[in-house]
Amino acid sequence: MNAGLLELPALPFALSPYGPDGRWTVADGALTGRAGPRQDRFVPPAGDALDPASDAPRLLGAAPEGDFQLVARVTVGFRAAFDAGVLYVHVGERAWAKLCLENSPDVPTVCTVVTRGHSDDANSFTVDGDSVWLRVSRTGRAFAFHASRDGAHWTFVRVFTLDGAGAAGGTLVGFMAQSPVGEGCTVTWDRIEFRPRGLTDLRDGS
């Protein structure tokens, strides 16, 4: 494995770290990372056009061309409001998206953020406990987010596009940890799976 790259048996591409040090480790196919104090990836929607994006530890790889699904169960060591474990999609400096299990602000909740210049922010459903299954998929030029309490029946959360997804450099996908107002948190992703196909129906629970 090349220096700076991390490989997971479930993924057909290597992962590279971005942003602050996430202390990334792999054991028995599970990935663990840590966000430090007040680390997040967000551009406030009410801000100025040139507001910089804040940053958080990300571990990303170049998705193969074509449709795909990236699936993982995420477990978050919640300590403060908005601590989260994330599946992340990146196509440009101001074009990226997050599917999160987030303490929002004191109840674990499936949340999404799509950034097109500035970030939006939307909550989906609450979760009992500190774990949930997350899935990001690409079908054609569209991305979709789903979440599941059991890894079998999936709830549709969001579908969207990102300008630049077909540009040089392609699409990066992977994992992120955040702790926007806290002192840091640890996140584990296990049951990781990459499927080289898209979805035929976003809303049928499959």
C-alpha atoms as a PDB file:
ATOM      1  CA  MET A   1       0.000   0.000   0.000  1.00  0.00           C
ATOM      2  CA  ASN A   2       1.348   3.440  -0.904  1.00  0.00           C
ATOM      3  CA  ALA A   3       2.183   5.888   1.849  1.00  0.00           C
ATOM      4  CA  GLY A   4      -0.835   7.970   2.755  1.00  0.00           C
ATOM      5  CA  LEU A   5      -3.278   5.489   1.232  1.00  0.00           C
ATOM      6  CA  LEU A   6      -5.555   3.172   3.132  1.00  0.00           C
ATOM      7  CA  GLU A   7      -7.214   0.095   1.668  1.00  0.00           C
ATOM      8  CA  LEU A   8     -10.407  -1.633   2.745  1.00  0.00           C
ATOM      9  CA  PRO A   9     -11.086  -5.167   1.483  1.00  0.00           C
ATOM     10  CA  ALA A  10     -14.696  -4.230   0.636  1.00  0.00           C
ATOM     11  CA  LEU A  11     -13.759  -1.332  -1.665  1.00  0.00           C
ATOM     12  CA  PRO A  12     -12.327  -1.553  -5.204  1.00  0.00           C
ATOM     13  CA  PHE A  13     -10.378   1.687  -4.721  1.00  0.00           C
ATOM     14  CA  ALA A  14      -7.870   3.014  -2.206  1.00  0.00           C
ATOM     15  CA  LEU A  15      -8.714   5.824   0.203  1.00  0.00           C
ATOM     16  CA  SER A  16      -6.721   8.989   0.875  1.00  0.00           C
ATOM     17  CA  PRO A  17      -7.022  11.304   3.895  1.00  0.00           C
ATOM     18  CA  TYR A  18      -8.230  14.888   3.460  1.00  0.00           C
ATOM     19  CA  GLY A  19      -8.530  17.700   5.974  1.00  0.00           C
ATOM     20  CA  PRO A  20      -7.406  17.394   9.608  1.00  0.00           C
ATOM     21  CA  ASP A  21      -5.860  14.177  10.910  1.00  0.00           C
ATOM     22  CA  GLY A  22      -8.623  11.615  11.458  1.00  0.00           C
ATOM     23  CA  ARG A  23      -6.413   8.986  13.152  1.00  0.00           C
ATOM     24  CA  TRP A  24      -7.831   6.455  10.694  1.00  0.00           C
ATOM     25  CA  THR A  25      -7.463   2.756  11.509  1.00  0.00           C
ATOM     26  CA  VAL A  26      -8.812  -0.480  10.040  1.00  0.00           C
ATOM     27  CA  ALA A  27      -9.414  -3.688  11.993  1.00  0.00           C
ATOM     28  CA  ASP A  28     -11.385  -6.740  10.864  1.00  0.00           C
ATOM     29  CA  GLY A  29     -12.821  -4.805   7.936  1.00  0.00           C
ATOM     30  CA  ALA A  30     -14.140  -1.971  10.119  1.00  0.00           C
ATOM     31  CA  LEU A  31     -12.917   1.607   9.757  1.00  0.00           C
ATOM     32  CA  THR A  32     -12.515   3.975  12.705  1.00  0.00           C
ATOM     33  CA  GLY A  33     -11.817   7.706  12.575  1.00  0.00           C
ATOM     34  CA  ARG A  34     -11.936  10.653  14.941  1.00  0.00           C
ATOM     35  CA  ALA A  35     -13.013  14.265  14.565  1.00  0.00           C
ATOM     36  CA  GLY A  36     -11.167  16.786  16.677  1.00  0.00           C
ATOM     37  CA  PRO A  37     -12.680  19.741  18.547  1.00  0.00           C
ATOM     38  CA  ARG A  38     -14.994  21.942  16.477  1.00  0.00           C
ATOM     39  CA  GLN A  39     -14.289  20.222  13.191  1.00  0.00           C
ATOM     40  CA  ASP A  40     -17.028  20.251  10.552  1.00  0.00           C
ATOM     41  CA  ARG A  41     -17.487  20.460   6.785  1.00  0.00           C
ATOM     42  CA  PHE A  42     -20.052  23.187   6.132  1.00  0.00           C
ATOM     43  CA  VAL A  43     -20.538  26.538   4.368  1.00  0.00           C
ATOM     44  CA  PRO A  44     -23.243  28.579   6.174  1.00  0.00           C
ATOM     45  CA  PRO A  45     -26.158  29.231   3.804  1.00  0.00           C
ATOM     46  CA  ALA A  46     -26.616  32.796   5.041  1.00  0.00           C
ATOM     47  CA  GLY A  47     -22.957  33.664   4.560  1.00  0.00           C
ATOM     48  CA  ASP A  48     -21.126  35.669   1.914  1.00  0.00           C
ATOM     49  CA  ALA A  49     -20.346  34.278  -1.520  1.00  0.00           C
ATOM     50  CA  LEU A  50     -16.670  33.814  -0.687  1.00  0.00           C
ATOM     51  CA  ASP A  51     -17.096  32.290   2.771  1.00  0.00           C
ATOM     52  CA  PRO A  52     -14.580  29.451   3.176  1.00  0.00           C
ATOM     53  CA  ALA A  53     -15.753  25.940   3.964  1.00  0.00           C
ATOM     54  CA  SER A  54     -14.886  24.650   7.409  1.00  0.00           C
ATOM     55  CA  ASP A  55     -13.119  21.303   7.425  1.00  0.00           C
ATOM     56  CA  ALA A  56     -13.224  17.890   9.090  1.00  0.00           C
ATOM     57  CA  PRO A  57     -11.374  14.582   8.654  1.00  0.00           C
ATOM     58  CA  ARG A  58     -12.330  12.805   5.453  1.00  0.00           C
ATOM     59  CA  LEU A  59     -11.132   9.522   3.938  1.00  0.00           C
ATOM     60  CA  LEU A  60     -12.050   9.421   0.250  1.00  0.00           C
ATOM     61  CA  GLY A  61     -11.402   7.442  -2.893  1.00  0.00           C
ATOM     62  CA  ALA A  62     -12.188   7.785  -6.591  1.00  0.00           C
ATOM     63  CA  ALA A  63     -15.401   5.935  -7.364  1.00  0.00           C
ATOM     64  CA  PRO A  64     -15.279   3.814 -10.536  1.00  0.00           C
ATOM     65  CA  GLU A  65     -17.196   5.139 -13.516  1.00  0.00           C
ATOM     66  CA  GLY A  66     -20.851   4.223 -13.731  1.00  0.00           C
ATOM     67  CA  ASP A  67     -23.545   3.487 -11.206  1.00  0.00           C
ATOM     68  CA  PHE A  68     -22.701   2.329  -7.691  1.00  0.00           C
ATOM     69  CA  GLN A  69     -23.820   1.977  -4.091  1.00  0.00           C
ATOM     70  CA  LEU A  70     -21.641   2.518  -1.011  1.00  0.00           C
ATOM     71  CA  VAL A  71     -23.126   0.984   2.136  1.00  0.00           C
ATOM     72  CA  ALA A  72     -21.932   1.023   5.749  1.00  0.00           C
ATOM     73  CA  ARG A  73     -23.238   0.770   9.268  1.00  0.00           C
ATOM     74  CA  VAL A  74     -22.098   3.822  11.219  1.00  0.00           C
ATOM     75  CA  THR A  75     -21.686   3.994  14.976  1.00  0.00           C
ATOM     76  CA  VAL A  76     -20.976   7.347  16.626  1.00  0.00           C
ATOM     77  CA  GLY A  77     -19.531   7.950  20.093  1.00  0.00           C
ATOM     78  CA  PHE A  78     -21.784  10.936  20.715  1.00  0.00           C
ATOM     79  CA  ARG A  79     -20.453  13.481  23.184  1.00  0.00           C
ATOM     80  CA  ALA A  80     -21.924  16.817  22.046  1.00  0.00           C
ATOM     81  CA  ALA A  81     -24.573  18.342  19.801  1.00  0.00           C
ATOM     82  CA  PHE A  82     -24.027  17.738  16.079  1.00  0.00           C
ATOM     83  CA  ASP A  83     -21.356  15.075  16.505  1.00  0.00           C
ATOM     84  CA  ALA A  84     -21.782  12.820  13.464  1.00  0.00           C
ATOM     85  CA  GLY A  85     -20.523   9.966  11.346  1.00  0.00           C
ATOM     86  CA  VAL A  86     -20.900  10.553   7.622  1.00  0.00           C
ATOM     87  CA  LEU A  87     -20.914   9.009   4.162  1.00  0.00           C
ATOM     88  CA  TYR A  88     -19.535  11.730   1.911  1.00  0.00           C
ATOM     89  CA  VAL A  89     -19.619  12.565  -1.828  1.00  0.00           C
ATOM     90  CA  HIS A  90     -17.242  15.137  -3.327  1.00  0.00           C
ATOM     91  CA  VAL A  91     -17.052  16.466  -6.887  1.00  0.00           C
ATOM     92  CA  GLY A  92     -15.516  19.919  -6.287  1.00  0.00           C
ATOM     93  CA  GLU A  93     -14.424  22.448  -3.678  1.00  0.00           C
ATOM     94  CA  ARG A  94     -17.968  23.852  -3.477  1.00  0.00           C
ATOM     95  CA  ALA A  95     -19.871  20.771  -4.678  1.00  0.00           C
ATOM     96  CA  TRP A  96     -20.220  17.965  -2.132  1.00  0.00           C
ATOM     97  CA  ALA A  97     -22.780  16.200   0.048  1.00  0.00           C
ATOM     98  CA  LYS A  98     -23.056  14.473   3.430  1.00  0.00           C
ATOM     99  CA  LEU A  99     -25.344  11.722   4.711  1.00  0.00           C
ATOM    100  CA  CYS A 100     -25.007  11.763   8.504  1.00  0.00           C
ATOM    101  CA  LEU A 101     -25.982  10.056  11.705  1.00  0.00           C
ATOM    102  CA  GLU A 102     -25.921  13.213  13.811  1.00  0.00           C
ATOM    103  CA  ASN A 103     -26.746  14.214  17.379  1.00  0.00           C
ATOM    104  CA  SER A 104     -29.218  16.866  16.242  1.00  0.00           C
ATOM    105  CA  PRO A 105     -28.916  18.487  18.729  1.00  0.00           C
ATOM    106  CA  ASP A 106     -29.545  15.861  21.434  1.00  0.00           C
ATOM    107  CA  VAL A 107     -31.336  13.021  19.578  1.00  0.00           C
ATOM    108  CA  PRO A 108     -29.523  10.784  17.047  1.00  0.00           C
ATOM    109  CA  THR A 109     -30.990  11.723  13.656  1.00  0.00           C
ATOM    110  CA  VAL A 110     -30.362  10.916  10.020  1.00  0.00           C
ATOM    111  CA  CYS A 111     -29.426  14.270   8.441  1.00  0.00           C
ATOM    112  CA  THR A 112     -28.269  15.463   5.025  1.00  0.00           C
ATOM    113  CA  VAL A 113     -26.272  18.402   3.723  1.00  0.00           C
ATOM    114  CA  VAL A 114     -25.836  19.252   0.032  1.00  0.00           C
ATOM    115  CA  THR A 115     -23.379  22.014  -0.817  1.00  0.00           C
ATOM    116  CA  ARG A 116     -23.624  23.927  -4.082  1.00  0.00           C
ATOM    117  CA  GLY A 117     -21.561  26.992  -3.249  1.00  0.00           C
ATOM    118  CA  HIS A 118     -23.228  27.152   0.172  1.00  0.00           C
ATOM    119  CA  SER A 119     -24.596  24.297   2.257  1.00  0.00           C
ATOM    120  CA  ASP A 120     -28.183  23.429   3.023  1.00  0.00           C
ATOM    121  CA  ASP A 121     -29.202  21.316   6.036  1.00  0.00           C
ATOM    122  CA  ALA A 122     -32.134  18.916   6.468  1.00  0.00           C
ATOM    123  CA  ASN A 123     -33.187  16.351   9.062  1.00  0.00           C
ATOM    124  CA  SER A 124     -34.860  13.051   8.181  1.00  0.00           C
ATOM    125  CA  PHE A 125     -35.777  10.558  10.951  1.00  0.00           C
ATOM    126  CA  THR A 126     -34.563   9.892  14.483  1.00  0.00           C
ATOM    127  CA  VAL A 127     -32.691   6.763  15.548  1.00  0.00           C
ATOM    128  CA  ASP A 128     -32.752   4.808  18.808  1.00  0.00           C
ATOM    129  CA  GLY A 129     -29.165   4.274  19.894  1.00  0.00           C
ATOM    130  CA  ASP A 130     -25.860   5.226  18.329  1.00  0.00           C
ATOM    131  CA  SER A 131     -25.889   3.164  15.095  1.00  0.00           C
ATOM    132  CA  VAL A 132     -27.674   3.197  11.748  1.00  0.00           C
ATOM    133  CA  TRP A 133     -27.035   1.909   8.225  1.00  0.00           C
ATOM    134  CA  LEU A 134     -26.286   4.532   5.564  1.00  0.00           C
ATOM    135  CA  ARG A 135     -26.160   4.203   1.772  1.00  0.00           C
ATOM    136  CA  VAL A 136     -25.108   6.593  -0.972  1.00  0.00           C
ATOM    137  CA  SER A 137     -25.799   5.589  -4.568  1.00  0.00           C
ATOM    138  CA  ARG A 138     -25.277   6.995  -8.026  1.00  0.00           C
ATOM    139  CA  THR A 139     -27.608   6.219 -10.912  1.00  0.00           C
ATOM    140  CA  GLY A 140     -26.809   8.131 -14.074  1.00  0.00           C
ATOM    141  CA  ARG A 141     -26.081  11.717 -13.020  1.00  0.00           C
ATOM    142  CA  ALA A 142     -28.206  11.537  -9.861  1.00  0.00           C
ATOM    143  CA  PHE A 143     -27.083  10.692  -6.333  1.00  0.00           C
ATOM    144  CA  ALA A 144     -29.444   9.239  -3.731  1.00  0.00           C
ATOM    145  CA  PHE A 145     -29.224   8.927   0.048  1.00  0.00           C
ATOM    146  CA  HIS A 146     -30.955   6.141   1.993  1.00  0.00           C
ATOM    147  CA  ALA A 147     -30.809   4.994   5.628  1.00  0.00           C
ATOM    148  CA  SER A 148     -31.896   1.827   7.405  1.00  0.00           C
ATOM    149  CA  ARG A 149     -32.328   0.720  10.985  1.00  0.00           C
ATOM    150  CA  ASP A 150     -31.616  -2.941  10.137  1.00  0.00           C
ATOM    151  CA  GLY A 151     -29.636  -2.974   6.890  1.00  0.00           C
ATOM    152  CA  ALA A 152     -32.502  -4.695   5.082  1.00  0.00           C
ATOM    153  CA  HIS A 153     -35.335  -2.193   4.613  1.00  0.00           C
ATOM    154  CA  TRP A 154     -34.160   1.183   3.343  1.00  0.00           C
ATOM    155  CA  THR A 155     -35.827   4.570   3.808  1.00  0.00           C
ATOM    156  CA  PHE A 156     -35.446   7.077   0.990  1.00  0.00           C
ATOM    157  CA  VAL A 157     -33.915  10.298   2.321  1.00  0.00           C
ATOM    158  CA  ARG A 158     -32.893  12.434  -0.648  1.00  0.00           C
ATOM    159  CA  VAL A 159     -32.065  12.540  -4.372  1.00  0.00           C
ATOM    160  CA  PHE A 160     -29.976  15.321  -5.935  1.00  0.00           C
ATOM    161  CA  THR A 161     -27.337  16.230  -8.504  1.00  0.00           C
ATOM    162  CA  LEU A 162     -23.982  17.960  -8.149  1.00  0.00           C
ATOM    163  CA  ASP A 163     -22.622  20.139 -10.935  1.00  0.00           C
ATOM    164  CA  GLY A 164     -19.215  18.939 -12.070  1.00  0.00           C
ATOM    165  CA  ALA A 165     -19.803  15.267 -11.281  1.00  0.00           C
ATOM    166  CA  GLY A 166     -18.611  14.336 -14.760  1.00  0.00           C
ATOM    167  CA  ALA A 167     -15.595  16.649 -14.764  1.00  0.00           C
ATOM    168  CA  ALA A 168     -11.946  15.643 -14.724  1.00  0.00           C
ATOM    169  CA  GLY A 169     -11.037  14.112 -11.403  1.00  0.00           C
ATOM    170  CA  GLY A 170     -14.362  12.341 -11.154  1.00  0.00           C
ATOM    171  CA  THR A 171     -16.323  11.679  -8.001  1.00  0.00           C
ATOM    172  CA  LEU A 172     -14.736  11.008  -4.625  1.00  0.00           C
ATOM    173  CA  VAL A 173     -16.714   8.992  -2.079  1.00  0.00           C
ATOM    174  CA  GLY A 174     -15.970   7.834   1.427  1.00  0.00           C
ATOM    175  CA  PHE A 175     -16.195   8.690   5.083  1.00  0.00           C
ATOM    176  CA  MET A 176     -16.101  11.718   7.373  1.00  0.00           C
ATOM    177  CA  ALA A 177     -16.295  12.445  11.107  1.00  0.00           C
ATOM    178  CA  GLN A 178     -17.418  15.763  12.589  1.00  0.00           C
ATOM    179  CA  SER A 179     -17.787  17.520  15.940  1.00  0.00           C
ATOM    180  CA  PRO A 180     -18.809  21.118  15.108  1.00  0.00           C
ATOM    181  CA  VAL A 181     -19.343  22.418  18.653  1.00  0.00           C
ATOM    182  CA  GLY A 182     -17.865  19.611  20.749  1.00  0.00           C
ATOM    183  CA  GLU A 183     -14.458  18.412  21.833  1.00  0.00           C
ATOM    184  CA  GLY A 184     -14.337  15.593  19.294  1.00  0.00           C
ATOM    185  CA  CYS A 185     -15.901  12.189  18.729  1.00  0.00           C
ATOM    186  CA  THR A 186     -14.979   8.735  17.456  1.00  0.00           C
ATOM    187  CA  VAL A 187     -16.857   7.068  14.601  1.00  0.00           C
ATOM    188  CA  THR A 188     -16.759   3.471  13.366  1.00  0.00           C
ATOM    189  CA  TRP A 189     -18.014   2.225   9.997  1.00  0.00           C
ATOM    190  CA  ASP A 190     -18.476  -1.527   9.590  1.00  0.00           C
ATOM    191  CA  ARG A 191     -20.399  -3.910   7.292  1.00  0.00           C
ATOM    192  CA  ILE A 192     -18.902  -1.811   4.495  1.00  0.00           C
ATOM    193  CA  GLU A 193     -19.976  -2.847   1.000  1.00  0.00           C
ATOM    194  CA  PHE A 194     -19.497  -1.475  -2.507  1.00  0.00           C
ATOM    195  CA  ARG A 195     -22.020  -2.510  -5.169  1.00  0.00           C
ATOM    196  CA  PRO A 196     -21.240  -1.676  -8.824  1.00  0.00           C
ATOM    197  CA  ARG A 197     -24.858  -0.941  -9.719  1.00  0.00           C
ATOM    198  CA  GLY A 198     -27.449   1.743  -9.157  1.00  0.00           C
ATOM    199  CA  LEU A 199     -31.022   1.573  -7.910  1.00  0.00           C
ATOM    200  CA  THR A 200     -34.074   0.934 -10.065  1.00  0.00           C
ATOM    201  CA  ASP A 201     -36.589   2.311  -7.531  1.00  0.00           C
ATOM    202  CA  LEU A 202     -35.640   4.845  -4.878  1.00  0.00           C
ATOM    203  CA  ARG A 203     -38.783   4.380  -2.812  1.00  0.00           C
ATOM    204  CA  ASP A 204     -39.564   0.655  -2.690  1.00  0.00           C
ATOM    205  CA  GLY A 205     -37.466  -0.084   0.412  1.00  0.00           C
ATOM    206  CA  SER A 206     -34.861  -2.202  -1.399  1.00  0.00           C
END
